[in-house]
Amino acid sequence: MELDQRLVDAAVDQMNRRWPADQYGGAAAVRLADGQILTSVCLDNINAGVTLCHETGAICQAYTLDKRVTASVCVGREAGATEIFVLAPCGICQERLALWGPDVQVGVGDPQSPSGWSARTLLDLNPYYWAARFADGGIWPSAATHTA
């Protein structure tokens, strides 16, 4: 399943339900191999060391359900603004998504695209993925290697 506008819209809907337009907002959505969409928001805390990215809840829920993630997108909005932007996954979220392989699609901001975003694979984002060293001759370590 591909990253499409429906996935972006699911993240935007979650963001709008969680945060009023006058506040900074953000949310994420992941698509599972069976087509199901999961959404989540970040965990903010006065101690920045315990905060979590917007994607984390949906990624953990997919893993809990033993479902494969095929696409992920994170959206945001500045306080009081109407423009929605797409954020590429941070390095930690790339690591979390790596469990499902190099072909997981992620949203990235793309000023050349009419929508302002485009889809890339994890391999596109990280062609020199450090864990490829443990891929037994392949380009990406297996899920079993990731969880060993």
N, C-alpha and C. Protein backbone atom coordinates (compact mmCIF):
# COMPACT_ATOMS: atom_id res chain seq x y z
N MET A 1 0.84 -1.18 0.00
CA MET A 1 0.00 0.00 0.00
C MET A 1 0.89 1.24 0.00
N GLU A 2 0.49 2.21 -0.77
CA GLU A 2 1.29 3.41 -0.94
C GLU A 2 0.87 4.53 0.00
N LEU A 3 1.82 5.43 0.20
CA LEU A 3 1.52 6.66 0.93
C LEU A 3 0.74 7.55 -0.03
N ASP A 4 -0.45 7.95 0.36
CA ASP A 4 -1.29 8.77 -0.51
C ASP A 4 -1.96 9.87 0.32
N GLN A 5 -2.76 10.68 -0.36
CA GLN A 5 -3.42 11.79 0.31
C GLN A 5 -4.34 11.32 1.42
N ARG A 6 -4.92 10.13 1.27
CA ARG A 6 -5.81 9.60 2.31
C ARG A 6 -5.06 9.41 3.63
N LEU A 7 -3.82 8.96 3.55
CA LEU A 7 -3.01 8.79 4.76
C LEU A 7 -2.67 10.15 5.37
N VAL A 8 -2.31 11.11 4.54
CA VAL A 8 -2.04 12.47 5.02
C VAL A 8 -3.29 13.04 5.68
N ASP A 9 -4.44 12.86 5.04
CA ASP A 9 -5.70 13.38 5.60
C ASP A 9 -6.02 12.75 6.95
N ALA A 10 -5.71 11.48 7.12
CA ALA A 10 -5.95 10.82 8.41
C ALA A 10 -5.10 11.47 9.50
N ALA A 11 -3.85 11.79 9.17
CA ALA A 11 -2.98 12.46 10.15
C ALA A 11 -3.49 13.86 10.46
N VAL A 12 -3.91 14.59 9.42
CA VAL A 12 -4.45 15.94 9.62
C VAL A 12 -5.72 15.89 10.48
N ASP A 13 -6.60 14.95 10.21
CA ASP A 13 -7.82 14.81 11.01
C ASP A 13 -7.49 14.55 12.47
N GLN A 14 -6.50 13.67 12.73
CA GLN A 14 -6.09 13.39 14.11
C GLN A 14 -5.53 14.65 14.76
N MET A 15 -4.71 15.39 14.04
CA MET A 15 -4.13 16.62 14.57
C MET A 15 -5.24 17.62 14.93
N ASN A 16 -6.20 17.77 14.03
CA ASN A 16 -7.27 18.74 14.27
C ASN A 16 -8.18 18.34 15.44
N ARG A 17 -8.32 17.03 15.66
CA ARG A 17 -9.11 16.57 16.82
C ARG A 17 -8.37 16.82 18.13
N ARG A 18 -7.05 16.75 18.10
CA ARG A 18 -6.25 16.84 19.32
C ARG A 18 -5.92 18.28 19.71
N TRP A 19 -5.59 19.11 18.72
CA TRP A 19 -5.15 20.46 19.02
C TRP A 19 -6.00 21.50 18.31
N PRO A 20 -6.45 22.52 19.04
CA PRO A 20 -7.18 23.61 18.39
C PRO A 20 -6.26 24.37 17.44
N ALA A 21 -6.85 25.06 16.49
CA ALA A 21 -6.09 25.74 15.44
C ALA A 21 -5.17 26.83 15.98
N ASP A 22 -5.44 27.36 17.17
CA ASP A 22 -4.59 28.42 17.70
C ASP A 22 -3.33 27.87 18.40
N GLN A 23 -3.20 26.55 18.46
CA GLN A 23 -2.03 25.92 19.07
C GLN A 23 -1.23 25.19 18.00
N TYR A 24 0.07 25.00 18.29
CA TYR A 24 0.85 24.14 17.41
C TYR A 24 0.18 22.77 17.41
N GLY A 25 0.12 22.14 16.27
CA GLY A 25 -0.45 20.80 16.20
C GLY A 25 0.41 19.89 15.36
N GLY A 26 0.30 18.63 15.63
CA GLY A 26 1.01 17.63 14.85
C GLY A 26 0.38 16.28 15.09
N ALA A 27 0.56 15.38 14.16
CA ALA A 27 0.06 14.01 14.29
C ALA A 27 0.71 13.16 13.21
N ALA A 28 0.52 11.88 13.33
CA ALA A 28 1.06 10.94 12.35
C ALA A 28 0.02 9.90 12.01
N ALA A 29 0.20 9.28 10.86
CA ALA A 29 -0.64 8.16 10.45
C ALA A 29 0.26 7.12 9.79
N VAL A 30 -0.02 5.87 10.07
CA VAL A 30 0.68 4.77 9.40
C VAL A 30 -0.35 3.88 8.72
N ARG A 31 0.03 3.36 7.58
CA ARG A 31 -0.82 2.40 6.87
C ARG A 31 -0.22 1.02 7.07
N LEU A 32 -1.09 0.07 7.38
CA LEU A 32 -0.67 -1.31 7.56
C LEU A 32 -0.85 -2.08 6.25
N ALA A 33 -0.21 -3.21 6.15
CA ALA A 33 -0.28 -4.02 4.93
C ALA A 33 -1.71 -4.40 4.56
N ASP A 34 -2.59 -4.52 5.55
CA ASP A 34 -3.98 -4.88 5.28
C ASP A 34 -4.84 -3.66 4.94
N GLY A 35 -4.23 -2.47 4.84
CA GLY A 35 -4.95 -1.26 4.48
C GLY A 35 -5.42 -0.43 5.66
N GLN A 36 -5.39 -0.99 6.84
CA GLN A 36 -5.83 -0.26 8.04
C GLN A 36 -4.91 0.93 8.27
N ILE A 37 -5.48 2.02 8.78
CA ILE A 37 -4.71 3.22 9.12
C ILE A 37 -4.78 3.44 10.62
N LEU A 38 -3.63 3.66 11.23
CA LEU A 38 -3.52 3.99 12.65
C LEU A 38 -2.98 5.41 12.76
N THR A 39 -3.48 6.17 13.73
CA THR A 39 -2.98 7.53 13.94
C THR A 39 -2.49 7.69 15.37
N SER A 40 -1.65 8.69 15.56
CA SER A 40 -1.16 8.98 16.90
C SER A 40 -0.61 10.40 16.96
N VAL A 41 -0.35 10.85 18.18
CA VAL A 41 0.22 12.17 18.43
C VAL A 41 1.41 12.03 19.35
N CYS A 42 2.19 13.10 19.45
CA CYS A 42 3.37 13.06 20.31
C CYS A 42 2.97 13.10 21.78
N LEU A 43 3.89 12.73 22.61
CA LEU A 43 3.73 12.85 24.05
C LEU A 43 4.64 13.98 24.50
N ASP A 44 4.03 15.12 24.77
CA ASP A 44 4.81 16.27 25.23
C ASP A 44 4.98 16.18 26.74
N ASN A 45 6.09 16.70 27.23
CA ASN A 45 6.36 16.66 28.65
C ASN A 45 7.34 17.77 28.98
N ILE A 46 7.27 18.29 30.18
CA ILE A 46 8.21 19.33 30.59
C ILE A 46 9.65 18.82 30.52
N ASN A 47 9.84 17.53 30.71
CA ASN A 47 11.15 16.91 30.58
C ASN A 47 11.28 16.41 29.14
N ALA A 48 12.00 17.16 28.33
CA ALA A 48 12.11 16.83 26.90
C ALA A 48 12.67 15.42 26.66
N GLY A 49 13.40 14.89 27.62
CA GLY A 49 13.97 13.55 27.48
C GLY A 49 12.93 12.44 27.44
N VAL A 50 11.70 12.72 27.86
CA VAL A 50 10.67 11.68 27.87
C VAL A 50 9.59 11.91 26.82
N THR A 51 9.76 12.93 25.99
CA THR A 51 8.78 13.14 24.93
C THR A 51 8.92 12.06 23.86
N LEU A 52 7.88 11.88 23.09
CA LEU A 52 7.89 10.90 22.00
C LEU A 52 7.42 11.57 20.73
N CYS A 53 7.91 11.11 19.60
CA CYS A 53 7.49 11.63 18.29
C CYS A 53 6.04 11.27 18.01
N HIS A 54 5.45 12.00 17.09
CA HIS A 54 4.06 11.76 16.71
C HIS A 54 3.83 10.32 16.23
N GLU A 55 4.79 9.75 15.51
CA GLU A 55 4.63 8.41 14.93
C GLU A 55 4.68 7.28 15.94
N THR A 56 5.28 7.50 17.08
CA THR A 56 5.61 6.42 18.01
C THR A 56 4.39 5.59 18.43
N GLY A 57 3.30 6.23 18.78
CA GLY A 57 2.12 5.50 19.23
C GLY A 57 1.58 4.56 18.17
N ALA A 58 1.47 5.04 16.93
CA ALA A 58 0.96 4.21 15.84
C ALA A 58 1.92 3.07 15.51
N ILE A 59 3.21 3.36 15.55
CA ILE A 59 4.21 2.32 15.29
C ILE A 59 4.12 1.23 16.36
N CYS A 60 4.02 1.63 17.62
CA CYS A 60 3.91 0.65 18.71
C CYS A 60 2.61 -0.14 18.61
N GLN A 61 1.52 0.52 18.22
CA GLN A 61 0.26 -0.19 18.07
C GLN A 61 0.35 -1.21 16.94
N ALA A 62 0.97 -0.85 15.83
CA ALA A 62 1.14 -1.80 14.72
C ALA A 62 1.94 -3.01 15.19
N TYR A 63 3.01 -2.75 15.92
CA TYR A 63 3.85 -3.84 16.42
C TYR A 63 3.07 -4.72 17.40
N THR A 64 2.29 -4.08 18.27
CA THR A 64 1.46 -4.82 19.22
C THR A 64 0.47 -5.73 18.50
N LEU A 65 -0.09 -5.23 17.39
CA LEU A 65 -1.06 -6.00 16.61
C LEU A 65 -0.39 -7.02 15.69
N ASP A 66 0.94 -7.02 15.66
CA ASP A 66 1.73 -7.88 14.77
C ASP A 66 1.35 -7.65 13.32
N LYS A 67 1.23 -6.36 12.97
CA LYS A 67 0.89 -5.94 11.60
C LYS A 67 2.08 -5.23 10.98
N ARG A 68 2.23 -5.36 9.68
CA ARG A 68 3.33 -4.75 8.95
C ARG A 68 2.97 -3.33 8.52
N VAL A 69 3.84 -2.38 8.83
CA VAL A 69 3.68 -0.99 8.40
C VAL A 69 4.24 -0.87 6.99
N THR A 70 3.45 -0.26 6.09
CA THR A 70 3.91 -0.05 4.72
C THR A 70 4.17 1.41 4.41
N ALA A 71 3.58 2.33 5.18
CA ALA A 71 3.76 3.75 4.93
C ALA A 71 3.52 4.54 6.21
N SER A 72 4.19 5.68 6.30
CA SER A 72 4.06 6.54 7.49
C SER A 72 4.19 7.99 7.07
N VAL A 73 3.39 8.83 7.71
CA VAL A 73 3.49 10.27 7.45
C VAL A 73 3.27 11.03 8.75
N CYS A 74 4.00 12.12 8.90
CA CYS A 74 3.87 13.01 10.05
C CYS A 74 3.55 14.40 9.53
N VAL A 75 2.53 15.02 10.11
CA VAL A 75 2.13 16.36 9.68
C VAL A 75 2.20 17.33 10.85
N GLY A 76 2.28 18.60 10.52
CA GLY A 76 2.30 19.63 11.55
C GLY A 76 1.66 20.91 11.05
N ARG A 77 1.40 21.80 12.01
CA ARG A 77 0.80 23.10 11.73
C ARG A 77 1.29 24.07 12.81
N GLU A 78 1.76 25.22 12.41
CA GLU A 78 2.17 26.24 13.38
C GLU A 78 0.93 26.80 14.08
N ALA A 79 1.09 27.29 15.28
CA ALA A 79 -0.02 27.89 16.03
C ALA A 79 -0.64 29.03 15.23
N GLY A 80 -1.96 28.99 15.07
CA GLY A 80 -2.68 30.03 14.38
C GLY A 80 -2.58 30.00 12.87
N ALA A 81 -1.84 29.06 12.31
CA ALA A 81 -1.65 28.98 10.85
C ALA A 81 -2.61 27.96 10.25
N THR A 82 -2.81 28.07 8.96
CA THR A 82 -3.65 27.09 8.26
C THR A 82 -2.81 26.14 7.41
N GLU A 83 -1.56 26.53 7.11
CA GLU A 83 -0.70 25.67 6.29
C GLU A 83 -0.34 24.39 7.05
N ILE A 84 -0.51 23.28 6.38
CA ILE A 84 -0.11 21.98 6.93
C ILE A 84 1.19 21.57 6.25
N PHE A 85 2.15 21.12 7.03
CA PHE A 85 3.41 20.67 6.44
C PHE A 85 3.65 19.20 6.80
N VAL A 86 4.42 18.54 5.96
CA VAL A 86 4.80 17.14 6.17
C VAL A 86 6.26 17.13 6.61
N LEU A 87 6.52 16.37 7.66
CA LEU A 87 7.87 16.23 8.19
C LEU A 87 8.40 14.83 7.92
N ALA A 88 9.61 14.74 7.39
CA ALA A 88 10.25 13.44 7.24
C ALA A 88 10.47 12.85 8.63
N PRO A 89 10.49 11.53 8.75
CA PRO A 89 10.72 10.93 10.07
C PRO A 89 12.14 11.22 10.56
N CYS A 90 12.24 11.50 11.84
CA CYS A 90 13.56 11.71 12.43
C CYS A 90 14.34 10.40 12.38
N GLY A 91 15.59 10.44 12.73
CA GLY A 91 16.42 9.24 12.70
C GLY A 91 15.90 8.14 13.61
N ILE A 92 15.36 8.51 14.76
CA ILE A 92 14.83 7.50 15.68
C ILE A 92 13.61 6.82 15.07
N CYS A 93 12.72 7.60 14.47
CA CYS A 93 11.54 6.99 13.84
C CYS A 93 11.93 6.18 12.60
N GLN A 94 12.98 6.60 11.90
CA GLN A 94 13.47 5.77 10.80
C GLN A 94 13.91 4.41 11.34
N GLU A 95 14.58 4.42 12.48
CA GLU A 95 15.00 3.15 13.11
C GLU A 95 13.79 2.31 13.49
N ARG A 96 12.76 2.94 14.04
CA ARG A 96 11.56 2.21 14.43
C ARG A 96 10.88 1.59 13.21
N LEU A 97 10.80 2.35 12.12
CA LEU A 97 10.16 1.86 10.89
C LEU A 97 11.02 0.84 10.16
N ALA A 98 12.32 0.85 10.40
CA ALA A 98 13.24 -0.06 9.71
C ALA A 98 12.88 -1.52 9.94
N LEU A 99 12.20 -1.80 11.02
CA LEU A 99 11.77 -3.16 11.32
C LEU A 99 11.01 -3.77 10.16
N TRP A 100 10.26 -2.94 9.42
CA TRP A 100 9.43 -3.45 8.33
C TRP A 100 10.09 -3.34 6.96
N GLY A 101 11.36 -3.00 6.92
CA GLY A 101 12.13 -3.08 5.69
C GLY A 101 12.36 -1.78 4.95
N PRO A 102 13.22 -1.85 3.93
CA PRO A 102 13.65 -0.66 3.20
C PRO A 102 12.58 -0.05 2.30
N ASP A 103 11.52 -0.78 2.03
CA ASP A 103 10.48 -0.29 1.13
C ASP A 103 9.35 0.45 1.82
N VAL A 104 9.41 0.60 3.15
CA VAL A 104 8.40 1.39 3.85
C VAL A 104 8.46 2.80 3.28
N GLN A 105 7.30 3.31 2.87
CA GLN A 105 7.24 4.66 2.34
C GLN A 105 7.00 5.66 3.46
N VAL A 106 7.67 6.80 3.36
CA VAL A 106 7.51 7.86 4.35
C VAL A 106 7.29 9.18 3.62
N GLY A 107 6.52 10.06 4.25
CA GLY A 107 6.30 11.38 3.69
C GLY A 107 7.46 12.29 4.00
N VAL A 108 7.82 13.10 3.02
CA VAL A 108 8.87 14.11 3.20
C VAL A 108 8.37 15.43 2.61
N GLY A 109 8.76 16.53 3.21
CA GLY A 109 8.45 17.83 2.63
C GLY A 109 9.14 17.94 1.28
N ASP A 110 8.42 18.44 0.28
CA ASP A 110 8.97 18.53 -1.07
C ASP A 110 8.42 19.78 -1.75
N PRO A 111 9.19 20.88 -1.75
CA PRO A 111 8.70 22.13 -2.33
C PRO A 111 8.46 22.04 -3.84
N GLN A 112 9.02 21.01 -4.50
CA GLN A 112 8.81 20.84 -5.94
C GLN A 112 7.47 20.20 -6.26
N SER A 113 6.85 19.58 -5.27
CA SER A 113 5.58 18.89 -5.47
C SER A 113 4.41 19.86 -5.27
N PRO A 114 3.36 19.75 -6.09
CA PRO A 114 2.19 20.62 -5.90
C PRO A 114 1.56 20.48 -4.51
N SER A 115 1.64 19.30 -3.92
CA SER A 115 1.06 19.07 -2.60
C SER A 115 1.98 19.55 -1.48
N GLY A 116 3.25 19.81 -1.80
CA GLY A 116 4.22 20.21 -0.78
C GLY A 116 4.90 19.03 -0.11
N TRP A 117 4.56 17.82 -0.54
CA TRP A 117 5.17 16.61 0.02
C TRP A 117 5.28 15.55 -1.06
N SER A 118 6.11 14.56 -0.81
CA SER A 118 6.20 13.40 -1.68
C SER A 118 6.56 12.18 -0.83
N ALA A 119 6.45 11.02 -1.43
CA ALA A 119 6.75 9.77 -0.74
C ALA A 119 8.14 9.29 -1.15
N ARG A 120 8.87 8.81 -0.18
CA ARG A 120 10.19 8.20 -0.41
C ARG A 120 10.23 6.91 0.41
N THR A 121 11.09 6.00 0.03
CA THR A 121 11.27 4.80 0.84
C THR A 121 12.33 5.08 1.91
N LEU A 122 12.34 4.22 2.92
CA LEU A 122 13.40 4.34 3.92
C LEU A 122 14.77 4.23 3.28
N LEU A 123 14.89 3.35 2.28
CA LEU A 123 16.18 3.20 1.60
C LEU A 123 16.57 4.50 0.89
N ASP A 124 15.59 5.22 0.31
CA ASP A 124 15.88 6.52 -0.30
C ASP A 124 16.41 7.50 0.74
N LEU A 125 15.81 7.49 1.93
CA LEU A 125 16.23 8.41 2.99
C LEU A 125 17.57 8.03 3.57
N ASN A 126 17.86 6.75 3.57
CA ASN A 126 19.04 6.28 4.27
C ASN A 126 19.76 5.21 3.44
N PRO A 127 20.39 5.62 2.33
CA PRO A 127 21.02 4.62 1.45
C PRO A 127 22.22 3.93 2.08
N TYR A 128 22.74 4.49 3.15
CA TYR A 128 23.90 3.89 3.81
C TYR A 128 23.52 3.43 5.22
N TYR A 129 22.35 2.82 5.32
CA TYR A 129 21.82 2.39 6.62
C TYR A 129 22.86 1.57 7.37
N TRP A 130 23.16 1.98 8.57
CA TRP A 130 24.22 1.36 9.36
C TRP A 130 23.98 -0.13 9.60
N ALA A 131 22.73 -0.54 9.79
CA ALA A 131 22.43 -1.94 10.11
C ALA A 131 22.52 -2.86 8.91
N ALA A 132 22.75 -2.29 7.71
CA ALA A 132 22.96 -3.14 6.53
C ALA A 132 24.15 -4.08 6.75
N ARG A 133 25.04 -3.69 7.64
CA ARG A 133 26.20 -4.53 7.99
C ARG A 133 25.74 -5.90 8.52
N PHE A 134 24.53 -5.96 9.06
CA PHE A 134 24.00 -7.18 9.66
C PHE A 134 22.94 -7.84 8.78
N ALA A 135 22.95 -7.53 7.48
CA ALA A 135 21.92 -8.00 6.55
C ALA A 135 22.28 -9.32 5.88
N ASP A 136 23.33 -9.98 6.30
CA ASP A 136 23.74 -11.26 5.72
C ASP A 136 23.81 -11.20 4.21
N GLY A 137 24.46 -10.17 3.68
CA GLY A 137 24.66 -10.05 2.25
C GLY A 137 23.56 -9.32 1.51
N GLY A 138 22.44 -9.03 2.17
CA GLY A 138 21.36 -8.28 1.54
C GLY A 138 21.55 -6.79 1.74
N ILE A 139 20.52 -6.01 1.38
CA ILE A 139 20.63 -4.57 1.53
C ILE A 139 20.03 -4.07 2.84
N TRP A 140 19.32 -4.94 3.56
CA TRP A 140 18.61 -4.53 4.78
C TRP A 140 18.52 -5.72 5.71
N PRO A 141 18.70 -5.54 7.00
CA PRO A 141 18.55 -6.66 7.93
C PRO A 141 17.10 -7.12 8.02
N SER A 142 16.90 -8.39 8.26
CA SER A 142 15.55 -8.95 8.37
C SER A 142 14.88 -8.48 9.66
N ALA A 143 13.57 -8.67 9.73
CA ALA A 143 12.84 -8.34 10.96
C ALA A 143 13.39 -9.16 12.11
N ALA A 144 13.74 -10.41 11.85
CA ALA A 144 14.30 -11.25 12.91
C ALA A 144 15.61 -10.68 13.43
N THR A 145 16.44 -10.16 12.55
CA THR A 145 17.70 -9.54 12.97
C THR A 145 17.43 -8.28 13.78
N HIS A 146 16.44 -7.50 13.37
CA HIS A 146 16.10 -6.27 14.08
C HIS A 146 15.63 -6.57 15.51
N THR A 147 14.97 -7.67 15.71
CA THR A 147 14.42 -7.95 17.03
C THR A 147 15.25 -8.94 17.84
N ALA A 148 16.41 -9.32 17.31
CA ALA A 148 17.27 -10.30 18.02
C ALA A 148 17.96 -9.65 19.19
